[in-house]
Amino acid sequence: MSTPTLVWDVQAELGEGPVWDADRACLWFVDIKGRRLHRYTASTNDKASWEAPEQIGFALPAEDGSLICGVRGGLYRFDVDMGDFSLFQPVETDRPQNRLNDGFVAPDGSLWFGSMDDSEEGKTGALYRWFRGELTRHDDGYGVTNGPCLSPDGRTLYHHDTLEKTVLAFDHQDGMLSNRRVFATTEDGYCDGPSMDADGVLHVCLFNGWGVARFAPDGQRLGTIRFPVQTVTKAAFGGADGRDLYCTTAWLGNADRRAAQPTLGGLYHLRVETPGLPQHRIAL
């Protein structure tokens, strides 16, 4: 495993949602509070950004080449060629205090994502699944949601109750969840975006925890990948062999520490031994 290296000093207030786009050989990620969608291409060091219509929690590739974005108020389609956003699925019109936060694409092409109270005060967040036009709420009562992601065999879904520093696990079968339980806790930081490698090791980013925690399938903590900044928000496996690990960071809540940590909010990269799982595309 290599040392985390800064590849884009993007200064994101709340960098989140990195995702590898194999067809374009690039990484997409967002700055939620900055309302920006970013694209990074390592082979050319090309960097591009677009302004989102509202706070944007994730941007995930769809089968038609577009990105499906979780923007406050609903799901938006981002046309990569035209560079524009269009709403196609309103979400939580009955919870105007909420925004969308993190998402994941399952092997069947379904989109899983969470919501949260933008003020981080009320437990009004929920866990949703969108599949071919049908939106289903699967769990409720979160302060801040993060995730989810699936085990390599698809039988366990992991999802965070971040304010409680708790990683939850559910039994998963055919898009249905059962047996909600505590998988792990993160006392050294708030559990942020999760990602999974091919061996079933869950990588949990630590907001204010200086790194990425690694958990075995039985919940045992295997160690931590240490970072030079304290707010690591989410990791994504990518590259030609799946062993490039890209991590977003944030300066949200730590503006007074930016002098000592000037690269807070930057995009980082490191090489790891075990590849991640393939990035799937949303079925439309």
Protein backbone atom coordinates (compact mmCIF):
# COMPACT_ATOMS: atom_id res chain seq x y z
CA MET A 1 0.00 0.00 0.00
CA SER A 2 1.36 3.41 -0.96
CA THR A 3 1.09 6.70 0.94
CA PRO A 4 -1.91 8.95 0.18
CA THR A 5 -0.86 11.66 -2.28
CA LEU A 6 -2.72 14.84 -3.18
CA VAL A 7 -3.72 14.83 -6.87
CA TRP A 8 -6.10 17.82 -6.97
CA ASP A 9 -6.05 20.64 -4.46
CA VAL A 10 -9.69 21.39 -5.25
CA GLN A 11 -10.40 22.95 -1.81
CA ALA A 12 -13.84 21.33 -1.57
CA GLU A 13 -15.87 22.46 1.40
CA LEU A 14 -17.51 19.02 1.49
CA GLY A 15 -15.88 16.74 -1.07
CA GLU A 16 -17.86 13.51 -1.45
CA GLY A 17 -19.02 10.71 -3.70
CA PRO A 18 -15.96 9.68 -5.76
CA VAL A 19 -16.86 7.11 -8.40
CA TRP A 20 -14.73 5.51 -11.11
CA ASP A 21 -16.07 5.74 -14.66
CA ALA A 22 -14.33 2.88 -16.50
CA ASP A 23 -15.72 3.80 -19.93
CA ARG A 24 -14.22 7.29 -19.73
CA ALA A 25 -11.25 6.30 -17.52
CA CYS A 26 -11.97 9.17 -15.15
CA LEU A 27 -13.15 9.87 -11.62
CA TRP A 28 -16.30 11.85 -10.82
CA PHE A 29 -16.87 13.45 -7.41
CA VAL A 30 -18.82 16.31 -5.87
CA ASP A 31 -18.53 19.22 -3.48
CA ILE A 32 -21.89 19.10 -1.72
CA LYS A 33 -21.80 22.53 -0.09
CA GLY A 34 -19.98 24.09 -3.03
CA ARG A 35 -22.69 22.73 -5.37
CA ARG A 36 -20.10 21.48 -7.83
CA LEU A 37 -19.60 18.32 -9.89
CA HIS A 38 -15.94 17.54 -10.64
CA ARG A 39 -14.17 15.21 -13.07
CA TYR A 40 -10.54 14.12 -12.76
CA THR A 41 -8.63 12.21 -15.46
CA ALA A 42 -5.36 10.84 -14.09
CA SER A 43 -3.78 9.93 -17.42
CA THR A 44 -3.86 13.53 -18.65
CA ASN A 45 -4.24 15.35 -15.33
CA ASP A 46 -7.32 16.96 -16.86
CA LYS A 47 -9.69 18.63 -14.42
CA ALA A 48 -13.21 19.89 -15.14
CA SER A 49 -16.08 21.23 -13.02
CA TRP A 50 -19.76 22.06 -13.42
CA GLU A 51 -22.18 23.98 -11.21
CA ALA A 52 -25.13 21.97 -9.90
CA PRO A 53 -28.62 23.46 -9.43
CA GLU A 54 -28.55 22.76 -5.66
CA GLN A 55 -26.48 20.84 -3.13
CA ILE A 56 -25.34 17.64 -4.87
CA GLY A 57 -24.68 14.49 -2.85
CA PHE A 58 -23.61 12.02 -5.54
CA ALA A 59 -23.20 11.54 -9.30
CA LEU A 60 -23.28 7.94 -10.54
CA PRO A 61 -22.96 6.55 -14.08
CA ALA A 62 -26.05 5.29 -15.89
CA GLU A 63 -26.36 2.79 -18.72
CA ASP A 64 -26.99 5.51 -21.34
CA GLY A 65 -23.74 7.35 -20.56
CA SER A 66 -25.32 10.06 -18.44
CA LEU A 67 -24.84 10.55 -14.71
CA ILE A 68 -27.70 10.27 -12.24
CA CYS A 69 -27.19 12.85 -9.51
CA GLY A 70 -28.66 13.14 -6.05
CA VAL A 71 -29.47 16.84 -5.82
CA ARG A 72 -31.49 18.47 -3.07
CA GLY A 73 -35.10 17.93 -4.09
CA GLY A 74 -34.65 14.86 -6.26
CA LEU A 75 -32.75 12.78 -8.77
CA TYR A 76 -31.32 14.67 -11.74
CA ARG A 77 -29.88 13.44 -15.02
CA PHE A 78 -26.58 15.09 -15.99
CA ASP A 79 -25.86 15.10 -19.72
CA VAL A 80 -22.08 14.81 -19.91
CA ASP A 81 -21.86 16.18 -23.47
CA MET A 82 -24.20 19.14 -22.93
CA GLY A 83 -23.16 19.79 -19.33
CA ASP A 84 -26.69 20.35 -18.05
CA PHE A 85 -28.89 18.95 -15.27
CA SER A 86 -32.56 17.94 -15.59
CA LEU A 87 -34.89 16.74 -12.81
CA PHE A 88 -36.66 13.44 -13.47
CA GLN A 89 -37.54 12.04 -10.02
CA PRO A 90 -38.62 14.32 -7.14
CA VAL A 91 -37.60 12.94 -3.74
CA GLU A 92 -38.91 13.90 -0.29
CA THR A 93 -41.08 16.82 -1.30
CA ASP A 94 -42.69 16.26 2.11
CA ARG A 95 -39.33 16.81 3.87
CA PRO A 96 -38.06 20.17 2.55
CA GLN A 97 -35.45 20.38 5.31
CA ASN A 98 -33.66 17.35 3.85
CA ARG A 99 -31.07 16.88 1.13
CA LEU A 100 -29.65 13.78 -0.56
CA ASN A 101 -26.23 12.67 0.66
CA ASP A 102 -24.65 9.47 -0.68
CA GLY A 103 -25.43 6.75 -3.21
CA PHE A 104 -24.45 3.36 -4.62
CA VAL A 105 -25.30 1.25 -7.69
CA ALA A 106 -26.04 -2.43 -7.11
CA PRO A 107 -25.15 -5.17 -9.65
CA ASP A 108 -28.77 -5.27 -10.86
CA GLY A 109 -28.56 -1.58 -11.81
CA SER A 110 -30.66 -0.32 -8.91
CA LEU A 111 -29.71 2.95 -7.24
CA TRP A 112 -29.51 3.02 -3.45
CA PHE A 113 -29.15 6.38 -1.69
CA GLY A 114 -29.80 8.19 1.56
CA SER A 115 -31.17 11.53 2.71
CA MET A 116 -30.51 13.69 5.76
CA ASP A 117 -31.56 16.83 7.58
CA ASP A 118 -29.38 19.55 6.08
CA SER A 119 -28.94 21.14 9.52
CA GLU A 120 -27.86 17.77 11.00
CA GLU A 121 -30.30 18.31 13.86
CA GLY A 122 -33.35 16.15 13.15
CA LYS A 123 -33.41 12.40 12.45
CA THR A 124 -35.40 12.79 9.24
CA GLY A 125 -33.02 10.93 6.93
CA ALA A 126 -34.01 7.74 5.14
CA LEU A 127 -32.60 4.97 2.92
CA TYR A 128 -34.08 4.56 -0.57
CA ARG A 129 -33.88 2.27 -3.58
CA TRP A 130 -34.75 3.51 -7.08
CA PHE A 131 -35.12 0.87 -9.77
CA ARG A 132 -36.49 1.51 -13.25
CA GLY A 133 -38.75 4.34 -12.16
CA GLU A 134 -39.92 2.91 -8.82
CA LEU A 135 -38.78 4.63 -5.62
CA THR A 136 -38.96 2.66 -2.33
CA ARG A 137 -38.11 3.81 1.19
CA HIS A 138 -36.39 0.93 3.01
CA ASP A 139 -35.31 2.46 6.33
CA ASP A 140 -35.89 5.71 8.21
CA GLY A 141 -34.89 7.78 11.22
CA TYR A 142 -31.29 8.76 10.40
CA GLY A 143 -29.47 11.94 11.37
CA VAL A 144 -26.84 11.62 8.62
CA THR A 145 -26.88 8.72 6.14
CA ASN A 146 -23.77 7.46 4.35
CA GLY A 147 -23.49 4.63 1.87
CA PRO A 148 -24.71 2.09 1.25
CA CYS A 149 -22.56 -0.62 -0.30
CA LEU A 150 -22.84 -4.39 -0.77
CA SER A 151 -20.65 -7.35 0.15
CA PRO A 152 -19.04 -9.19 -2.81
CA ASP A 153 -21.73 -11.89 -2.71
CA GLY A 154 -24.49 -9.27 -2.56
CA ARG A 155 -26.03 -10.78 0.56
CA THR A 156 -25.11 -8.02 3.05
CA LEU A 157 -25.83 -4.32 2.66
CA TYR A 158 -23.89 -1.83 4.82
CA HIS A 159 -25.20 1.62 5.66
CA HIS A 160 -24.05 4.26 8.13
CA ASP A 161 -25.84 6.16 10.85
CA THR A 162 -23.01 8.69 10.89
CA LEU A 163 -24.00 10.88 13.83
CA GLU A 164 -24.19 7.73 15.96
CA LYS A 165 -20.75 6.59 14.65
CA THR A 166 -22.45 3.32 13.73
CA VAL A 167 -22.08 1.05 10.70
CA LEU A 168 -25.28 -0.93 10.17
CA ALA A 169 -25.66 -4.21 8.29
CA PHE A 170 -28.76 -5.69 6.67
CA ASP A 171 -29.45 -9.00 5.02
CA HIS A 172 -30.08 -8.27 1.35
CA GLN A 173 -31.89 -10.35 -1.24
CA ASP A 174 -33.49 -9.23 -4.51
CA GLY A 175 -33.60 -5.59 -3.45
CA MET A 176 -35.20 -6.29 -0.07
CA LEU A 177 -33.65 -5.73 3.37
CA SER A 178 -34.07 -7.55 6.69
CA ASN A 179 -32.26 -8.24 9.97
CA ARG A 180 -31.03 -4.69 10.68
CA ARG A 181 -28.08 -4.84 13.09
CA VAL A 182 -24.95 -3.01 14.26
CA PHE A 183 -21.88 -4.15 12.32
CA ALA A 184 -19.23 -1.83 13.82
CA THR A 185 -18.67 1.53 15.51
CA THR A 186 -16.00 4.15 14.88
CA GLU A 187 -15.02 5.88 18.10
CA ASP A 188 -12.04 7.66 16.50
CA GLY A 189 -14.15 9.56 13.97
CA TYR A 190 -17.56 9.78 12.34
CA CYS A 191 -18.12 6.91 9.92
CA ASP A 192 -18.35 8.46 6.46
CA GLY A 193 -18.67 6.99 2.96
CA PRO A 194 -18.13 3.20 2.76
CA SER A 195 -16.63 1.16 -0.09
CA MET A 196 -15.89 -2.53 -0.56
CA ASP A 197 -12.90 -4.45 -1.91
CA ALA A 198 -12.89 -7.83 -3.64
CA ASP A 199 -11.99 -9.67 -0.40
CA GLY A 200 -15.04 -8.32 1.41
CA VAL A 201 -13.07 -5.78 3.45
CA LEU A 202 -15.22 -2.72 4.17
CA HIS A 203 -13.38 0.62 3.87
CA VAL A 204 -14.98 3.27 6.08
CA CYS A 205 -13.78 6.85 5.80
CA LEU A 206 -13.42 8.75 9.05
CA PHE A 207 -14.67 12.32 9.27
CA ASN A 208 -12.36 13.94 11.84
CA GLY A 209 -10.55 10.61 12.19
CA TRP A 210 -7.49 11.15 9.96
CA GLY A 211 -7.98 8.19 7.66
CA VAL A 212 -9.88 5.19 6.33
CA ALA A 213 -10.77 2.33 8.68
CA ARG A 214 -10.76 -1.24 7.34
CA PHE A 215 -13.16 -3.91 8.64
CA ALA A 216 -13.19 -7.66 7.99
CA PRO A 217 -16.52 -9.32 7.08
CA ASP A 218 -16.96 -10.38 10.71
CA GLY A 219 -16.71 -6.77 11.92
CA GLN A 220 -13.13 -7.00 13.22
CA ARG A 221 -11.19 -3.81 12.61
CA LEU A 222 -8.09 -4.57 10.55
CA GLY A 223 -6.42 -1.18 10.79
CA THR A 224 -6.50 2.34 9.40
CA ILE A 225 -5.02 3.96 6.30
CA ARG A 226 -3.60 7.18 7.72
CA PHE A 227 -4.03 10.53 5.95
CA PRO A 228 -2.32 13.92 6.39
CA VAL A 229 -5.73 15.62 6.78
CA GLN A 230 -8.40 14.86 9.34
CA THR A 231 -11.64 14.83 7.34
CA VAL A 232 -11.67 11.93 4.85
CA THR A 233 -15.16 11.53 3.43
CA LYS A 234 -15.30 8.68 0.89
CA ALA A 235 -13.05 6.29 -1.05
CA ALA A 236 -13.51 4.81 -4.52
CA PHE A 237 -11.57 1.98 -6.15
CA GLY A 238 -10.62 2.58 -9.76
CA GLY A 239 -7.95 2.48 -12.43
CA ALA A 240 -7.33 -0.24 -14.99
CA ASP A 241 -6.74 -2.90 -12.32
CA GLY A 242 -9.11 -1.58 -9.64
CA ARG A 243 -6.21 -0.90 -7.25
CA ASP A 244 -6.21 2.89 -7.42
CA LEU A 245 -7.96 4.24 -4.34
CA TYR A 246 -9.24 7.81 -4.65
CA CYS A 247 -10.41 9.63 -1.54
CA THR A 248 -12.30 12.90 -1.14
CA THR A 249 -11.79 15.17 1.86
CA ALA A 250 -13.47 18.29 3.28
CA TRP A 251 -12.80 21.44 5.26
CA LEU A 252 -16.41 21.69 6.49
CA GLY A 253 -16.38 22.13 10.27
CA ASN A 254 -12.61 22.66 10.27
CA ALA A 255 -12.15 26.04 8.61
CA ASP A 256 -9.99 27.14 11.54
CA ARG A 257 -7.58 24.26 10.84
CA ARG A 258 -6.92 25.07 7.19
CA ALA A 259 -3.72 26.96 7.98
CA ALA A 260 -2.24 23.85 9.59
CA GLN A 261 -3.84 21.51 7.01
CA PRO A 262 -3.82 23.55 3.79
CA THR A 263 -4.90 20.61 1.60
CA LEU A 264 -8.16 19.97 3.45
CA GLY A 265 -10.78 19.50 0.77
CA GLY A 266 -8.33 17.97 -1.72
CA LEU A 267 -8.62 14.78 -3.74
CA TYR A 268 -6.12 12.08 -2.72
CA HIS A 269 -4.85 8.90 -4.36
CA LEU A 270 -2.99 5.79 -3.25
CA ARG A 271 -2.32 2.29 -4.54
CA VAL A 272 -3.67 -0.71 -2.63
CA GLU A 273 -3.00 -4.45 -2.82
CA THR A 274 -6.58 -5.69 -3.18
CA PRO A 275 -8.79 -4.31 -5.97
CA GLY A 276 -12.25 -3.01 -5.43
CA LEU A 277 -15.47 -4.33 -6.89
CA PRO A 278 -16.58 -3.21 -10.38
CA GLN A 279 -18.58 0.01 -10.60
CA HIS A 280 -22.04 -0.82 -11.97
CA ARG A 281 -24.30 1.44 -14.02
CA ILE A 282 -27.81 2.55 -13.18
CA ALA A 283 -30.50 0.75 -15.15
CA LEU A 284 -32.89 3.25 -16.71
